[in-house]
Amino acid sequence: MNLNSLKSFVTVAHLGNFTRAAERLNLSQPAISGHIRSLESELGVQLFLRRYRSTLLSEHGRALLGHAETVLKELDRLTEAAREVAHRPLRAMRIGFVVGADVVHMAPLLNRAGEIMPHVRIDVAQGLSGWVAAGVEAGRFQGGFFLGPTPPKGVHSIELTRLTYLLCIPVDWKRRVANAIPEDLAQLPWIWAPEGASYPLIVRDLFSRYGVTPRQVIEADREATIADLVASGIGVAILREPLARRSASEGRIEILDAYRAHVPLFFISPQEADQDMRTLRDCVLDVFDVEAGAD
């Protein structure tokens, strides 16, 4: 239905004259007449009773006038709302993430959030799990990903999935650890990660059941670097299963399959979340295919 026809109908109804309606709408009288004929044809009713010097609403016209006015008022509201949205400054929100952007489905998440929240610009920053948790609690991040056996306190958290970590050793150490017990493995030189990272939490949790703590010899803050150090014979480490399997298939490392950890990946956000933060949380649940309320 042509909105110009509705405007012509309402204007003629109020002014009772085609000529004055044409002047009010800055149109020609034939254009107004065409709008009315077109609308009458589309609705299947006669809207006006035409007299020599006046134009009166028909019974059908009187019944439909209020509806037409409502449509035009809603159009005005829509136009005003669109104008406000167009001039509203973008809200900046920050997400902290760990591991890799692919692991946390960052691209699908940003696309999904952009569709639902066009008024929001999302910035992302990668770091250690402890850094992300501290940023969320302090309000520097509106959401973030945390990897570890248990979620941090003081924030809202929901488990999204679990990542498998495998114990990896240099290829030349296969015989050395063939019959090793957990206490022996803990005494091997371990490649570590900075405190605040997920890695120390995962390893300590893995060996806590045996009552031992691995011996740290060198620290690295990137998973690829840790894998390279294992392959170079520096020490042992845990690696995410995809990286561990790939490195093993290339003959760079050996995997001790008996020692593995299934580590929860959480999405964390402020406990007092506004509407945009809750919407962001919903977007995360969507891309991970997790039902709301699963926490």
C-alpha atoms as a PDB file:
ATOM      1  CA  MET A   1       0.000   0.000   0.000  1.00  0.00           C
ATOM      2  CA  ASN A   2       1.325   3.391  -1.017  1.00  0.00           C
ATOM      3  CA  LEU A   3       1.869   5.664   1.982  1.00  0.00           C
ATOM      4  CA  ASN A   4       1.419   8.753  -0.200  1.00  0.00           C
ATOM      5  CA  SER A   5      -2.112   7.548  -0.950  1.00  0.00           C
ATOM      6  CA  LEU A   6      -2.805   7.279   2.793  1.00  0.00           C
ATOM      7  CA  LYS A   7      -1.473  10.807   3.344  1.00  0.00           C
ATOM      8  CA  SER A   8      -3.720  12.117   0.570  1.00  0.00           C
ATOM      9  CA  PHE A   9      -6.737  10.281   2.030  1.00  0.00           C
ATOM     10  CA  VAL A  10      -6.225  11.693   5.535  1.00  0.00           C
ATOM     11  CA  THR A  11      -5.517  15.213   4.289  1.00  0.00           C
ATOM     12  CA  VAL A  12      -8.590  15.352   2.017  1.00  0.00           C
ATOM     13  CA  ALA A  13     -10.703  13.933   4.852  1.00  0.00           C
ATOM     14  CA  HIS A  14      -9.615  16.708   7.217  1.00  0.00           C
ATOM     15  CA  LEU A  15      -9.772  19.585   4.705  1.00  0.00           C
ATOM     16  CA  GLY A  16     -12.843  18.384   2.793  1.00  0.00           C
ATOM     17  CA  ASN A  17     -11.391  19.616  -0.480  1.00  0.00           C
ATOM     18  CA  PHE A  18      -9.040  18.140  -3.090  1.00  0.00           C
ATOM     19  CA  THR A  19      -7.581  21.508  -4.061  1.00  0.00           C
ATOM     20  CA  ARG A  20      -6.665  22.509  -0.511  1.00  0.00           C
ATOM     21  CA  ALA A  21      -5.266  19.024   0.130  1.00  0.00           C
ATOM     22  CA  ALA A  22      -3.055  19.384  -2.954  1.00  0.00           C
ATOM     23  CA  GLU A  23      -1.763  22.725  -1.676  1.00  0.00           C
ATOM     24  CA  ARG A  24      -1.097  21.300   1.808  1.00  0.00           C
ATOM     25  CA  LEU A  25       0.870  18.348   0.393  1.00  0.00           C
ATOM     26  CA  ASN A  26       2.565  20.406  -2.327  1.00  0.00           C
ATOM     27  CA  LEU A  27       1.113  18.186  -5.045  1.00  0.00           C
ATOM     28  CA  SER A  28      -1.125  18.744  -8.043  1.00  0.00           C
ATOM     29  CA  GLN A  29      -4.850  18.104  -7.769  1.00  0.00           C
ATOM     30  CA  PRO A  30      -4.694  15.302 -10.392  1.00  0.00           C
ATOM     31  CA  ALA A  31      -2.016  13.596  -8.275  1.00  0.00           C
ATOM     32  CA  ILE A  32      -4.284  13.731  -5.206  1.00  0.00           C
ATOM     33  CA  SER A  33      -7.188  12.355  -7.237  1.00  0.00           C
ATOM     34  CA  GLY A  34      -4.960   9.553  -8.535  1.00  0.00           C
ATOM     35  CA  HIS A  35      -3.914   8.634  -4.993  1.00  0.00           C
ATOM     36  CA  ILE A  36      -7.521   8.429  -3.846  1.00  0.00           C
ATOM     37  CA  ARG A  37      -8.613   6.340  -6.873  1.00  0.00           C
ATOM     38  CA  SER A  38      -5.695   3.989  -6.348  1.00  0.00           C
ATOM     39  CA  LEU A  39      -6.469   3.552  -2.641  1.00  0.00           C
ATOM     40  CA  GLU A  40     -10.190   3.011  -3.301  1.00  0.00           C
ATOM     41  CA  SER A  41      -9.335   0.399  -5.894  1.00  0.00           C
ATOM     42  CA  GLU A  42      -6.928  -1.389  -3.529  1.00  0.00           C
ATOM     43  CA  LEU A  43      -9.371  -1.340  -0.602  1.00  0.00           C
ATOM     44  CA  GLY A  44     -12.431  -2.123  -2.725  1.00  0.00           C
ATOM     45  CA  VAL A  45     -14.546   0.659  -1.195  1.00  0.00           C
ATOM     46  CA  GLN A  46     -15.523   4.226  -1.976  1.00  0.00           C
ATOM     47  CA  LEU A  47     -13.886   6.641   0.483  1.00  0.00           C
ATOM     48  CA  PHE A  48     -15.531   9.952  -0.467  1.00  0.00           C
ATOM     49  CA  LEU A  49     -18.863  11.279  -1.648  1.00  0.00           C
ATOM     50  CA  ARG A  50     -18.074  14.017  -4.141  1.00  0.00           C
ATOM     51  CA  ARG A  51     -20.340  17.075  -4.275  1.00  0.00           C
ATOM     52  CA  TYR A  52     -20.087  20.119  -6.538  1.00  0.00           C
ATOM     53  CA  ARG A  53     -18.307  22.300  -3.990  1.00  0.00           C
ATOM     54  CA  SER A  54     -17.352  19.820  -1.249  1.00  0.00           C
ATOM     55  CA  THR A  55     -16.021  16.349  -0.607  1.00  0.00           C
ATOM     56  CA  LEU A  56     -17.503  14.291   2.186  1.00  0.00           C
ATOM     57  CA  LEU A  57     -16.310  11.046   3.729  1.00  0.00           C
ATOM     58  CA  SER A  58     -18.399   8.039   2.853  1.00  0.00           C
ATOM     59  CA  GLU A  59     -19.493   5.592   5.540  1.00  0.00           C
ATOM     60  CA  HIS A  60     -16.547   3.383   4.604  1.00  0.00           C
ATOM     61  CA  GLY A  61     -14.229   6.383   4.625  1.00  0.00           C
ATOM     62  CA  ARG A  62     -15.275   7.337   8.157  1.00  0.00           C
ATOM     63  CA  ALA A  63     -14.691   3.752   9.333  1.00  0.00           C
ATOM     64  CA  LEU A  64     -11.181   3.616   7.837  1.00  0.00           C
ATOM     65  CA  LEU A  65      -9.940   7.128   8.630  1.00  0.00           C
ATOM     66  CA  GLY A  66      -8.763   6.293  12.169  1.00  0.00           C
ATOM     67  CA  HIS A  67      -6.808   3.288  10.933  1.00  0.00           C
ATOM     68  CA  ALA A  68      -5.087   5.379   8.266  1.00  0.00           C
ATOM     69  CA  GLU A  69      -4.176   8.024  10.846  1.00  0.00           C
ATOM     70  CA  THR A  70      -2.714   5.351  13.127  1.00  0.00           C
ATOM     71  CA  VAL A  71      -0.523   4.004  10.322  1.00  0.00           C
ATOM     72  CA  LEU A  72       0.820   7.482   9.556  1.00  0.00           C
ATOM     73  CA  LYS A  73       1.507   8.219  13.232  1.00  0.00           C
ATOM     74  CA  GLU A  74       3.438   4.956  13.555  1.00  0.00           C
ATOM     75  CA  LEU A  75       5.401   5.885  10.443  1.00  0.00           C
ATOM     76  CA  ASP A  76       6.330   9.202  12.080  1.00  0.00           C
ATOM     77  CA  ARG A  77       7.471   7.336  15.210  1.00  0.00           C
ATOM     78  CA  LEU A  78       9.530   4.945  13.087  1.00  0.00           C
ATOM     79  CA  THR A  79      11.169   7.833  11.260  1.00  0.00           C
ATOM     80  CA  GLU A  80      12.001   9.582  14.539  1.00  0.00           C
ATOM     81  CA  ALA A  81      13.404   6.386  16.057  1.00  0.00           C
ATOM     82  CA  ALA A  82      15.567   5.795  12.988  1.00  0.00           C
ATOM     83  CA  ARG A  83      16.862   9.366  13.231  1.00  0.00           C
ATOM     84  CA  GLU A  84      17.798   8.843  16.882  1.00  0.00           C
ATOM     85  CA  VAL A  85      19.552   5.554  16.156  1.00  0.00           C
ATOM     86  CA  ALA A  86      21.463   7.084  13.251  1.00  0.00           C
ATOM     87  CA  HIS A  87      22.850   9.854  15.482  1.00  0.00           C
ATOM     88  CA  ARG A  88      23.439   7.756  18.580  1.00  0.00           C
ATOM     89  CA  PRO A  89      27.156   7.327  19.331  1.00  0.00           C
ATOM     90  CA  LEU A  90      28.375   3.736  19.276  1.00  0.00           C
ATOM     91  CA  ARG A  91      28.867   2.143  22.655  1.00  0.00           C
ATOM     92  CA  ALA A  92      32.278   0.513  23.024  1.00  0.00           C
ATOM     93  CA  MET A  93      32.353  -2.884  24.734  1.00  0.00           C
ATOM     94  CA  ARG A  94      35.482  -4.978  25.351  1.00  0.00           C
ATOM     95  CA  ILE A  95      35.865  -8.743  25.421  1.00  0.00           C
ATOM     96  CA  GLY A  96      38.935 -10.491  26.774  1.00  0.00           C
ATOM     97  CA  PHE A  97      39.803 -13.895  25.381  1.00  0.00           C
ATOM     98  CA  VAL A  98      42.319 -16.694  25.892  1.00  0.00           C
ATOM     99  CA  VAL A  99      43.799 -19.493  23.782  1.00  0.00           C
ATOM    100  CA  GLY A 100      42.929 -18.535  20.183  1.00  0.00           C
ATOM    101  CA  ALA A 101      40.229 -16.529  18.419  1.00  0.00           C
ATOM    102  CA  ASP A 102      39.143 -19.654  16.549  1.00  0.00           C
ATOM    103  CA  VAL A 103      38.741 -21.653  19.774  1.00  0.00           C
ATOM    104  CA  VAL A 104      36.375 -19.071  21.281  1.00  0.00           C
ATOM    105  CA  HIS A 105      34.463 -18.665  17.982  1.00  0.00           C
ATOM    106  CA  MET A 106      35.350 -14.991  17.907  1.00  0.00           C
ATOM    107  CA  ALA A 107      34.420 -14.316  14.268  1.00  0.00           C
ATOM    108  CA  PRO A 108      30.915 -15.834  14.516  1.00  0.00           C
ATOM    109  CA  LEU A 109      30.429 -14.080  17.845  1.00  0.00           C
ATOM    110  CA  LEU A 110      31.325 -10.647  16.474  1.00  0.00           C
ATOM    111  CA  ASN A 111      29.088 -11.191  13.445  1.00  0.00           C
ATOM    112  CA  ARG A 112      26.180 -12.284  15.624  1.00  0.00           C
ATOM    113  CA  ALA A 113      26.599  -9.396  18.061  1.00  0.00           C
ATOM    114  CA  GLY A 114      26.877  -6.918  15.176  1.00  0.00           C
ATOM    115  CA  GLU A 115      23.546  -8.093  13.782  1.00  0.00           C
ATOM    116  CA  ILE A 116      21.717  -7.825  17.094  1.00  0.00           C
ATOM    117  CA  MET A 117      23.479  -4.767  18.550  1.00  0.00           C
ATOM    118  CA  PRO A 118      24.314  -2.380  15.686  1.00  0.00           C
ATOM    119  CA  HIS A 119      24.727   0.428  18.245  1.00  0.00           C
ATOM    120  CA  VAL A 120      27.656  -1.376  19.887  1.00  0.00           C
ATOM    121  CA  ARG A 121      31.287  -1.572  18.812  1.00  0.00           C
ATOM    122  CA  ILE A 122      33.072  -4.587  20.272  1.00  0.00           C
ATOM    123  CA  ASP A 123      36.824  -4.508  20.845  1.00  0.00           C
ATOM    124  CA  VAL A 124      38.738  -7.668  21.717  1.00  0.00           C
ATOM    125  CA  ALA A 125      41.970  -8.242  23.608  1.00  0.00           C
ATOM    126  CA  GLN A 126      43.892 -11.469  24.157  1.00  0.00           C
ATOM    127  CA  GLY A 127      45.676 -12.319  27.367  1.00  0.00           C
ATOM    128  CA  LEU A 128      45.941 -14.739  30.276  1.00  0.00           C
ATOM    129  CA  SER A 129      42.839 -16.110  32.006  1.00  0.00           C
ATOM    130  CA  GLY A 130      43.684 -14.332  35.251  1.00  0.00           C
ATOM    131  CA  TRP A 131      44.087 -11.034  33.415  1.00  0.00           C
ATOM    132  CA  VAL A 132      40.703 -11.475  31.728  1.00  0.00           C
ATOM    133  CA  ALA A 133      39.012 -12.337  35.033  1.00  0.00           C
ATOM    134  CA  ALA A 134      40.535  -9.312  36.758  1.00  0.00           C
ATOM    135  CA  GLY A 135      39.436  -7.088  33.871  1.00  0.00           C
ATOM    136  CA  VAL A 136      35.840  -8.301  34.050  1.00  0.00           C
ATOM    137  CA  GLU A 137      35.697  -7.868  37.817  1.00  0.00           C
ATOM    138  CA  ALA A 138      37.175  -4.363  37.582  1.00  0.00           C
ATOM    139  CA  GLY A 139      34.829  -3.313  34.768  1.00  0.00           C
ATOM    140  CA  ARG A 140      37.526  -3.005  32.085  1.00  0.00           C
ATOM    141  CA  PHE A 141      35.884  -5.845  30.160  1.00  0.00           C
ATOM    142  CA  GLN A 142      32.161  -6.326  29.669  1.00  0.00           C
ATOM    143  CA  GLY A 143      32.753 -10.029  29.107  1.00  0.00           C
ATOM    144  CA  GLY A 144      35.530 -12.526  28.584  1.00  0.00           C
ATOM    145  CA  PHE A 145      36.614 -16.130  28.236  1.00  0.00           C
ATOM    146  CA  PHE A 146      38.234 -17.975  31.115  1.00  0.00           C
ATOM    147  CA  LEU A 147      39.913 -21.375  30.888  1.00  0.00           C
ATOM    148  CA  GLY A 148      40.484 -23.318  34.071  1.00  0.00           C
ATOM    149  CA  PRO A 149      39.243 -26.111  36.338  1.00  0.00           C
ATOM    150  CA  THR A 150      36.941 -23.732  38.226  1.00  0.00           C
ATOM    151  CA  PRO A 151      35.549 -20.283  37.323  1.00  0.00           C
ATOM    152  CA  PRO A 152      36.795 -17.184  39.143  1.00  0.00           C
ATOM    153  CA  LYS A 153      34.800 -15.745  42.021  1.00  0.00           C
ATOM    154  CA  GLY A 154      33.055 -12.397  41.887  1.00  0.00           C
ATOM    155  CA  VAL A 155      31.734 -12.713  38.307  1.00  0.00           C
ATOM    156  CA  HIS A 156      28.877 -14.411  36.496  1.00  0.00           C
ATOM    157  CA  SER A 157      30.108 -17.523  34.690  1.00  0.00           C
ATOM    158  CA  ILE A 158      28.712 -20.194  32.403  1.00  0.00           C
ATOM    159  CA  GLU A 159      30.531 -23.223  31.034  1.00  0.00           C
ATOM    160  CA  LEU A 160      30.571 -23.301  27.228  1.00  0.00           C
ATOM    161  CA  THR A 161      32.614 -26.381  26.359  1.00  0.00           C
ATOM    162  CA  ARG A 162      35.640 -28.387  27.478  1.00  0.00           C
ATOM    163  CA  LEU A 163      39.116 -28.438  25.955  1.00  0.00           C
ATOM    164  CA  THR A 164      41.292 -31.524  26.235  1.00  0.00           C
ATOM    165  CA  TYR A 165      44.947 -31.158  27.241  1.00  0.00           C
ATOM    166  CA  LEU A 166      47.488 -33.973  26.823  1.00  0.00           C
ATOM    167  CA  LEU A 167      50.833 -34.570  28.518  1.00  0.00           C
ATOM    168  CA  CYS A 168      53.588 -34.280  25.913  1.00  0.00           C
ATOM    169  CA  ILE A 169      57.258 -35.272  26.081  1.00  0.00           C
ATOM    170  CA  PRO A 170      60.263 -35.014  23.749  1.00  0.00           C
ATOM    171  CA  VAL A 171      60.530 -37.900  21.283  1.00  0.00           C
ATOM    172  CA  ASP A 172      63.877 -39.045  22.758  1.00  0.00           C
ATOM    173  CA  TRP A 173      62.318 -39.379  26.235  1.00  0.00           C
ATOM    174  CA  LYS A 174      59.915 -42.177  25.325  1.00  0.00           C
ATOM    175  CA  ARG A 175      61.994 -44.912  26.991  1.00  0.00           C
ATOM    176  CA  ARG A 176      62.887 -42.661  29.882  1.00  0.00           C
ATOM    177  CA  VAL A 177      59.259 -42.317  30.935  1.00  0.00           C
ATOM    178  CA  ALA A 178      57.976 -45.702  29.734  1.00  0.00           C
ATOM    179  CA  ASN A 179      57.280 -46.953  33.266  1.00  0.00           C
ATOM    180  CA  ALA A 180      57.161 -43.620  35.060  1.00  0.00           C
ATOM    181  CA  ILE A 181      54.614 -43.065  37.803  1.00  0.00           C
ATOM    182  CA  PRO A 182      53.077 -39.641  38.501  1.00  0.00           C
ATOM    183  CA  GLU A 183      55.719 -38.859  41.123  1.00  0.00           C
ATOM    184  CA  ASP A 184      58.452 -39.542  38.541  1.00  0.00           C
ATOM    185  CA  LEU A 185      56.742 -37.378  35.936  1.00  0.00           C
ATOM    186  CA  ALA A 186      56.447 -34.511  38.402  1.00  0.00           C
ATOM    187  CA  GLN A 187      60.234 -34.590  38.869  1.00  0.00           C
ATOM    188  CA  LEU A 188      60.925 -34.157  35.151  1.00  0.00           C
ATOM    189  CA  PRO A 189      61.796 -30.648  33.948  1.00  0.00           C
ATOM    190  CA  TRP A 190      58.520 -28.931  33.168  1.00  0.00           C
ATOM    191  CA  ILE A 191      57.959 -26.074  30.763  1.00  0.00           C
ATOM    192  CA  TRP A 192      55.662 -23.705  32.620  1.00  0.00           C
ATOM    193  CA  ALA A 193      53.518 -20.664  31.922  1.00  0.00           C
ATOM    194  CA  PRO A 194      53.169 -17.420  33.906  1.00  0.00           C
ATOM    195  CA  GLU A 195      51.024 -17.404  37.024  1.00  0.00           C
ATOM    196  CA  GLY A 196      47.700 -15.956  36.002  1.00  0.00           C
ATOM    197  CA  ALA A 197      47.578 -18.205  32.950  1.00  0.00           C
ATOM    198  CA  SER A 198      45.335 -21.260  32.712  1.00  0.00           C
ATOM    199  CA  TYR A 199      48.306 -23.591  32.345  1.00  0.00           C
ATOM    200  CA  PRO A 200      49.504 -23.678  35.997  1.00  0.00           C
ATOM    201  CA  LEU A 201      45.933 -24.220  37.193  1.00  0.00           C
ATOM    202  CA  ILE A 202      45.415 -27.115  34.800  1.00  0.00           C
ATOM    203  CA  VAL A 203      48.695 -28.868  35.608  1.00  0.00           C
ATOM    204  CA  ARG A 204      48.302 -28.495  39.363  1.00  0.00           C
ATOM    205  CA  ASP A 205      44.752 -29.809  39.159  1.00  0.00           C
ATOM    206  CA  LEU A 206      45.907 -32.748  37.008  1.00  0.00           C
ATOM    207  CA  PHE A 207      48.602 -33.804  39.491  1.00  0.00           C
ATOM    208  CA  SER A 208      46.796 -32.842  42.696  1.00  0.00           C
ATOM    209  CA  ARG A 209      45.149 -36.267  42.826  1.00  0.00           C
ATOM    210  CA  TYR A 210      48.608 -37.776  43.173  1.00  0.00           C
ATOM    211  CA  GLY A 211      49.732 -35.310  45.827  1.00  0.00           C
ATOM    212  CA  VAL A 212      52.673 -33.991  43.799  1.00  0.00           C
ATOM    213  CA  THR A 213      53.597 -30.715  42.087  1.00  0.00           C
ATOM    214  CA  PRO A 214      55.646 -30.652  38.833  1.00  0.00           C
ATOM    215  CA  ARG A 215      59.119 -29.130  38.846  1.00  0.00           C
ATOM    216  CA  GLN A 216      59.325 -25.925  36.807  1.00  0.00           C
ATOM    217  CA  VAL A 217      62.477 -25.207  34.783  1.00  0.00           C
ATOM    218  CA  ILE A 218      61.521 -22.651  32.153  1.00  0.00           C
ATOM    219  CA  GLU A 219      58.589 -20.350  31.502  1.00  0.00           C
ATOM    220  CA  ALA A 220      56.918 -19.498  28.193  1.00  0.00           C
ATOM    221  CA  ASP A 221      53.740 -17.520  27.579  1.00  0.00           C
ATOM    222  CA  ARG A 222      52.684 -18.884  24.170  1.00  0.00           C
ATOM    223  CA  GLU A 223      51.364 -22.361  23.428  1.00  0.00           C
ATOM    224  CA  ALA A 224      53.300 -22.648  20.169  1.00  0.00           C
ATOM    225  CA  THR A 225      56.505 -21.739  22.003  1.00  0.00           C
ATOM    226  CA  ILE A 226      55.827 -24.375  24.648  1.00  0.00           C
ATOM    227  CA  ALA A 227      55.337 -26.985  21.898  1.00  0.00           C
ATOM    228  CA  ASP A 228      58.618 -25.959  20.263  1.00  0.00           C
ATOM    229  CA  LEU A 229      60.464 -26.270  23.579  1.00  0.00           C
ATOM    230  CA  VAL A 230      59.076 -29.773  24.132  1.00  0.00           C
ATOM    231  CA  ALA A 231      60.126 -30.753  20.620  1.00  0.00           C
ATOM    232  CA  SER A 232      63.615 -29.363  21.315  1.00  0.00           C
ATOM    233  CA  GLY A 233      64.033 -31.660  24.313  1.00  0.00           C
ATOM    234  CA  ILE A 234      63.916 -28.934  26.972  1.00  0.00           C
ATOM    235  CA  GLY A 235      61.178 -30.536  29.045  1.00  0.00           C
ATOM    236  CA  VAL A 236      57.619 -31.815  29.241  1.00  0.00           C
ATOM    237  CA  ALA A 237      54.353 -29.878  29.090  1.00  0.00           C
ATOM    238  CA  ILE A 238      50.641 -30.135  28.511  1.00  0.00           C
ATOM    239  CA  LEU A 239      49.256 -29.025  25.151  1.00  0.00           C
ATOM    240  CA  ARG A 240      45.770 -28.664  23.737  1.00  0.00           C
ATOM    241  CA  GLU A 241      44.837 -31.866  21.942  1.00  0.00           C
ATOM    242  CA  PRO A 242      44.731 -30.462  18.371  1.00  0.00           C
ATOM    243  CA  LEU A 243      48.228 -29.005  18.692  1.00  0.00           C
ATOM    244  CA  ALA A 244      49.533 -32.091  20.500  1.00  0.00           C
ATOM    245  CA  ARG A 245      48.136 -34.487  17.873  1.00  0.00           C
ATOM    246  CA  ARG A 246      49.472 -32.395  15.014  1.00  0.00           C
ATOM    247  CA  SER A 247      52.944 -32.163  16.559  1.00  0.00           C
ATOM    248  CA  ALA A 248      52.952 -35.896  17.266  1.00  0.00           C
ATOM    249  CA  SER A 249      51.912 -36.726  13.696  1.00  0.00           C
ATOM    250  CA  GLU A 250      54.877 -34.658  12.487  1.00  0.00           C
ATOM    251  CA  GLY A 251      57.208 -36.700  14.704  1.00  0.00           C
ATOM    252  CA  ARG A 252      58.135 -33.714  16.884  1.00  0.00           C
ATOM    253  CA  ILE A 253      56.788 -34.955  20.234  1.00  0.00           C
ATOM    254  CA  GLU A 254      55.343 -38.002  22.000  1.00  0.00           C
ATOM    255  CA  ILE A 255      52.021 -38.056  23.839  1.00  0.00           C
ATOM    256  CA  LEU A 256      51.337 -39.825  27.129  1.00  0.00           C
ATOM    257  CA  ASP A 257      47.632 -40.498  26.597  1.00  0.00           C
ATOM    258  CA  ALA A 258      47.097 -41.730  30.148  1.00  0.00           C
ATOM    259  CA  TYR A 259      47.556 -38.179  31.424  1.00  0.00           C
ATOM    260  CA  ARG A 260      44.889 -35.827  30.117  1.00  0.00           C
ATOM    261  CA  ALA A 261      42.718 -33.042  31.446  1.00  0.00           C
ATOM    262  CA  HIS A 262      39.300 -31.954  30.200  1.00  0.00           C
ATOM    263  CA  VAL A 263      39.269 -28.270  31.053  1.00  0.00           C
ATOM    264  CA  PRO A 264      36.122 -26.109  31.123  1.00  0.00           C
ATOM    265  CA  LEU A 265      36.011 -22.965  29.006  1.00  0.00           C
ATOM    266  CA  PHE A 266      33.794 -20.367  30.678  1.00  0.00           C
ATOM    267  CA  PHE A 267      32.298 -17.105  29.522  1.00  0.00           C
ATOM    268  CA  ILE A 268      32.419 -14.638  32.378  1.00  0.00           C
ATOM    269  CA  SER A 269      30.713 -11.273  32.749  1.00  0.00           C
ATOM    270  CA  PRO A 270      29.888  -8.773  35.514  1.00  0.00           C
ATOM    271  CA  GLN A 271      27.366  -9.978  38.068  1.00  0.00           C
ATOM    272  CA  GLU A 272      25.482  -6.702  37.643  1.00  0.00           C
ATOM    273  CA  ALA A 273      24.992  -6.753  33.869  1.00  0.00           C
ATOM    274  CA  ASP A 274      23.056  -4.193  31.822  1.00  0.00           C
ATOM    275  CA  GLN A 275      20.920  -5.086  28.801  1.00  0.00           C
ATOM    276  CA  ASP A 276      23.790  -4.933  26.291  1.00  0.00           C
ATOM    277  CA  MET A 277      25.930  -7.195  28.480  1.00  0.00           C
ATOM    278  CA  ARG A 278      23.084  -9.703  28.762  1.00  0.00           C
ATOM    279  CA  THR A 279      22.599  -9.586  25.008  1.00  0.00           C
ATOM    280  CA  LEU A 280      26.326 -10.185  24.492  1.00  0.00           C
ATOM    281  CA  ARG A 281      26.093 -13.166  26.832  1.00  0.00           C
ATOM    282  CA  ASP A 282      23.168 -14.524  24.789  1.00  0.00           C
ATOM    283  CA  CYS A 283      25.202 -14.155  21.591  1.00  0.00           C
ATOM    284  CA  VAL A 284      28.002 -16.229  23.137  1.00  0.00           C
ATOM    285  CA  LEU A 285      25.517 -18.939  24.113  1.00  0.00           C
ATOM    286  CA  ASP A 286      24.142 -18.938  20.565  1.00  0.00           C
ATOM    287  CA  VAL A 287      27.487 -19.448  18.837  1.00  0.00           C
ATOM    288  CA  PHE A 288      28.455 -22.202  21.295  1.00  0.00           C
ATOM    289  CA  ASP A 289      24.989 -23.764  21.020  1.00  0.00           C
ATOM    290  CA  VAL A 290      24.500 -23.649  24.788  1.00  0.00           C
ATOM    291  CA  GLU A 291      21.018 -23.225  26.213  1.00  0.00           C
ATOM    292  CA  ALA A 292      20.336 -20.182  28.351  1.00  0.00           C
ATOM    293  CA  GLY A 293      20.090 -21.111  32.005  1.00  0.00           C
ATOM    294  CA  ALA A 294      22.638 -23.911  31.615  1.00  0.00           C
ATOM    295  CA  ASP A 295      24.766 -22.297  34.308  1.00  0.00           C
END
